[in-house]
Amino acid sequence: ERDLLLAMKRDFATVRHAKPPASRKESSELYVVAQGYRPG
């Protein structure tokens, strides 16, 4: 999870992530929204 977020932060201007309130704590469910792709 951390590696994915780091890679996305490198390639996008804005990266936001959130765990849905209905998701169980032990679940790996996570929503990620990335904007402003920066080709590299």
PDB file of N, CA and C in Angstrom:
ATOM      1  N   GLU A   1       0.833  -1.197   0.000  1.00  0.00           N
ATOM      2  CA  GLU A   1       0.000   0.000   0.000  1.00  0.00           C
ATOM      3  C   GLU A   1       0.873   1.253   0.000  1.00  0.00           C
ATOM      4  N   ARG A   2       1.851   1.269   0.863  1.00  0.00           N
ATOM      5  CA  ARG A   2       2.717   2.448   0.959  1.00  0.00           C
ATOM      6  C   ARG A   2       3.498   2.681  -0.333  1.00  0.00           C
ATOM      7  N   ASP A   3       4.006   1.605  -0.922  1.00  0.00           N
ATOM      8  CA  ASP A   3       4.764   1.729  -2.172  1.00  0.00           C
ATOM      9  C   ASP A   3       3.897   2.278  -3.297  1.00  0.00           C
ATOM     10  N   LEU A   4       2.652   1.821  -3.352  1.00  0.00           N
ATOM     11  CA  LEU A   4       1.727   2.313  -4.376  1.00  0.00           C
ATOM     12  C   LEU A   4       1.488   3.807  -4.199  1.00  0.00           C
ATOM     13  N   LEU A   5       1.232   4.238  -2.970  1.00  0.00           N
ATOM     14  CA  LEU A   5       0.977   5.660  -2.726  1.00  0.00           C
ATOM     15  C   LEU A   5       2.203   6.513  -3.055  1.00  0.00           C
ATOM     16  N   LEU A   6       3.380   6.031  -2.717  1.00  0.00           N
ATOM     17  CA  LEU A   6       4.602   6.780  -3.036  1.00  0.00           C
ATOM     18  C   LEU A   6       4.792   6.913  -4.544  1.00  0.00           C
ATOM     19  N   ALA A   7       4.538   5.840  -5.277  1.00  0.00           N
ATOM     20  CA  ALA A   7       4.663   5.885  -6.736  1.00  0.00           C
ATOM     21  C   ALA A   7       3.646   6.848  -7.331  1.00  0.00           C
ATOM     22  N   MET A   8       2.442   6.827  -6.812  1.00  0.00           N
ATOM     23  CA  MET A   8       1.412   7.727  -7.330  1.00  0.00           C
ATOM     24  C   MET A   8       1.735   9.181  -7.011  1.00  0.00           C
ATOM     25  N   LYS A   9       2.270   9.446  -5.825  1.00  0.00           N
ATOM     26  CA  LYS A   9       2.631  10.820  -5.461  1.00  0.00           C
ATOM     27  C   LYS A   9       3.755  11.345  -6.348  1.00  0.00           C
ATOM     28  N   ARG A  10       4.579  10.443  -6.843  1.00  0.00           N
ATOM     29  CA  ARG A  10       5.653  10.842  -7.750  1.00  0.00           C
ATOM     30  C   ARG A  10       5.092  11.217  -9.124  1.00  0.00           C
ATOM     31  N   ASP A  11       4.040  10.518  -9.558  1.00  0.00           N
ATOM     32  CA  ASP A  11       3.516  10.681 -10.913  1.00  0.00           C
ATOM     33  C   ASP A  11       2.302  11.599 -11.033  1.00  0.00           C
ATOM     34  N   PHE A  12       1.717  12.001  -9.917  1.00  0.00           N
ATOM     35  CA  PHE A  12       0.530  12.856  -9.947  1.00  0.00           C
ATOM     36  C   PHE A  12       0.728  14.070  -9.051  1.00  0.00           C
ATOM     37  N   ALA A  13       0.112  15.181  -9.433  1.00  0.00           N
ATOM     38  CA  ALA A  13       0.224  16.419  -8.661  1.00  0.00           C
ATOM     39  C   ALA A  13      -0.489  16.297  -7.317  1.00  0.00           C
ATOM     40  N   THR A  14      -1.644  15.637  -7.299  1.00  0.00           N
ATOM     41  CA  THR A  14      -2.433  15.490  -6.080  1.00  0.00           C
ATOM     42  C   THR A  14      -2.865  14.044  -5.920  1.00  0.00           C
ATOM     43  N   VAL A  15      -2.627  13.489  -4.739  1.00  0.00           N
ATOM     44  CA  VAL A  15      -3.070  12.128  -4.436  1.00  0.00           C
ATOM     45  C   VAL A  15      -3.764  12.156  -3.079  1.00  0.00           C
ATOM     46  N   ARG A  16      -4.999  11.680  -3.068  1.00  0.00           N
ATOM     47  CA  ARG A  16      -5.757  11.605  -1.816  1.00  0.00           C
ATOM     48  C   ARG A  16      -6.228  10.175  -1.635  1.00  0.00           C
ATOM     49  N   HIS A  17      -6.179   9.716  -0.396  1.00  0.00           N
ATOM     50  CA  HIS A  17      -6.642   8.357  -0.115  1.00  0.00           C
ATOM     51  C   HIS A  17      -7.496   8.358   1.142  1.00  0.00           C
ATOM     52  N   ALA A  18      -8.432   7.415   1.179  1.00  0.00           N
ATOM     53  CA  ALA A  18      -9.342   7.323   2.317  1.00  0.00           C
ATOM     54  C   ALA A  18      -9.817   5.890   2.483  1.00  0.00           C
ATOM     55  N   LYS A  19     -10.027   5.515   3.724  1.00  0.00           N
ATOM     56  CA  LYS A  19     -10.613   4.215   4.036  1.00  0.00           C
ATOM     57  C   LYS A  19     -12.093   4.455   4.305  1.00  0.00           C
ATOM     58  N   PRO A  20     -12.964   3.748   3.604  1.00  0.00           N
ATOM     59  CA  PRO A  20     -14.396   3.958   3.792  1.00  0.00           C
ATOM     60  C   PRO A  20     -14.814   3.674   5.237  1.00  0.00           C
ATOM     61  N   PRO A  21     -15.701   4.477   5.796  1.00  0.00           N
ATOM     62  CA  PRO A  21     -16.152   4.264   7.180  1.00  0.00           C
ATOM     63  C   PRO A  21     -16.772   2.878   7.399  1.00  0.00           C
ATOM     64  N   ALA A  22     -17.395   2.311   6.384  1.00  0.00           N
ATOM     65  CA  ALA A  22     -18.038   1.003   6.528  1.00  0.00           C
ATOM     66  C   ALA A  22     -17.048  -0.157   6.416  1.00  0.00           C
ATOM     67  N   SER A  23     -15.812   0.131   6.058  1.00  0.00           N
ATOM     68  CA  SER A  23     -14.804  -0.911   5.886  1.00  0.00           C
ATOM     69  C   SER A  23     -14.289  -1.382   7.249  1.00  0.00           C
ATOM     70  N   ARG A  24     -14.082  -2.678   7.371  1.00  0.00           N
ATOM     71  CA  ARG A  24     -13.538  -3.217   8.618  1.00  0.00           C
ATOM     72  C   ARG A  24     -12.079  -2.805   8.775  1.00  0.00           C
ATOM     73  N   LYS A  25     -11.640  -2.670  10.014  1.00  0.00           N
ATOM     74  CA  LYS A  25     -10.263  -2.238  10.272  1.00  0.00           C
ATOM     75  C   LYS A  25      -9.237  -3.186   9.664  1.00  0.00           C
ATOM     76  N   GLU A  26      -9.527  -4.490   9.690  1.00  0.00           N
ATOM     77  CA  GLU A  26      -8.569  -5.465   9.165  1.00  0.00           C
ATOM     78  C   GLU A  26      -8.602  -5.573   7.642  1.00  0.00           C
ATOM     79  N   SER A  27      -9.555  -4.914   7.013  1.00  0.00           N
ATOM     80  CA  SER A  27      -9.668  -4.937   5.557  1.00  0.00           C
ATOM     81  C   SER A  27      -8.638  -4.004   4.924  1.00  0.00           C
ATOM     82  N   SER A  28      -8.150  -4.388   3.766  1.00  0.00           N
ATOM     83  CA  SER A  28      -7.179  -3.544   3.060  1.00  0.00           C
ATOM     84  C   SER A  28      -7.866  -2.583   2.089  1.00  0.00           C
ATOM     85  N   GLU A  29      -9.189  -2.498   2.183  1.00  0.00           N
ATOM     86  CA  GLU A  29      -9.953  -1.629   1.277  1.00  0.00           C
ATOM     87  C   GLU A  29      -9.533  -0.171   1.455  1.00  0.00           C
ATOM     88  N   LEU A  30      -9.244   0.481   0.332  1.00  0.00           N
ATOM     89  CA  LEU A  30      -8.775   1.861   0.344  1.00  0.00           C
ATOM     90  C   LEU A  30      -9.147   2.506  -0.978  1.00  0.00           C
ATOM     91  N   TYR A  31      -9.637   3.716  -0.911  1.00  0.00           N
ATOM     92  CA  TYR A  31      -9.952   4.467  -2.130  1.00  0.00           C
ATOM     93  C   TYR A  31      -8.847   5.488  -2.366  1.00  0.00           C
ATOM     94  N   VAL A  32      -8.407   5.585  -3.622  1.00  0.00           N
ATOM     95  CA  VAL A  32      -7.358   6.537  -3.986  1.00  0.00           C
ATOM     96  C   VAL A  32      -7.843   7.356  -5.174  1.00  0.00           C
ATOM     97  N   VAL A  33      -7.697   8.682  -5.063  1.00  0.00           N
ATOM     98  CA  VAL A  33      -8.022   9.590  -6.166  1.00  0.00           C
ATOM     99  C   VAL A  33      -6.751  10.363  -6.485  1.00  0.00           C
ATOM    100  N   ALA A  34      -6.338  10.299  -7.747  1.00  0.00           N
ATOM    101  CA  ALA A  34      -5.128  10.997  -8.179  1.00  0.00           C
ATOM    102  C   ALA A  34      -5.490  11.948  -9.316  1.00  0.00           C
ATOM    103  N   GLN A  35      -4.938  13.161  -9.259  1.00  0.00           N
ATOM    104  CA  GLN A  35      -5.213  14.171 -10.285  1.00  0.00           C
ATOM    105  C   GLN A  35      -3.911  14.811 -10.738  1.00  0.00           C
ATOM    106  N   GLY A  36      -3.922  15.266 -11.968  1.00  0.00           N
ATOM    107  CA  GLY A  36      -2.772  15.999 -12.495  1.00  0.00           C
ATOM    108  C   GLY A  36      -1.607  15.102 -12.861  1.00  0.00           C
ATOM    109  N   TYR A  37      -1.852  14.155 -13.764  1.00  0.00           N
ATOM    110  CA  TYR A  37      -0.794  13.235 -14.180  1.00  0.00           C
ATOM    111  C   TYR A  37       0.391  13.996 -14.761  1.00  0.00           C
ATOM    112  N   ARG A  38       1.589  13.621 -14.301  1.00  0.00           N
ATOM    113  CA  ARG A  38       2.823  14.232 -14.786  1.00  0.00           C
ATOM    114  C   ARG A  38       3.649  13.154 -15.481  1.00  0.00           C
ATOM    115  N   PRO A  39       3.586  13.091 -16.806  1.00  0.00           N
ATOM    116  CA  PRO A  39       4.361  12.062 -17.517  1.00  0.00           C
ATOM    117  C   PRO A  39       5.848  12.231 -17.233  1.00  0.00           C
ATOM    118  N   GLY A  40       6.501  11.124 -17.061  1.00  0.00           N
ATOM    119  CA  GLY A  40       7.880  11.269 -16.676  1.00  0.00           C
ATOM    120  C   GLY A  40       8.810  10.403 -17.389  1.00  0.00           C
TER     121      GLY A  40
END
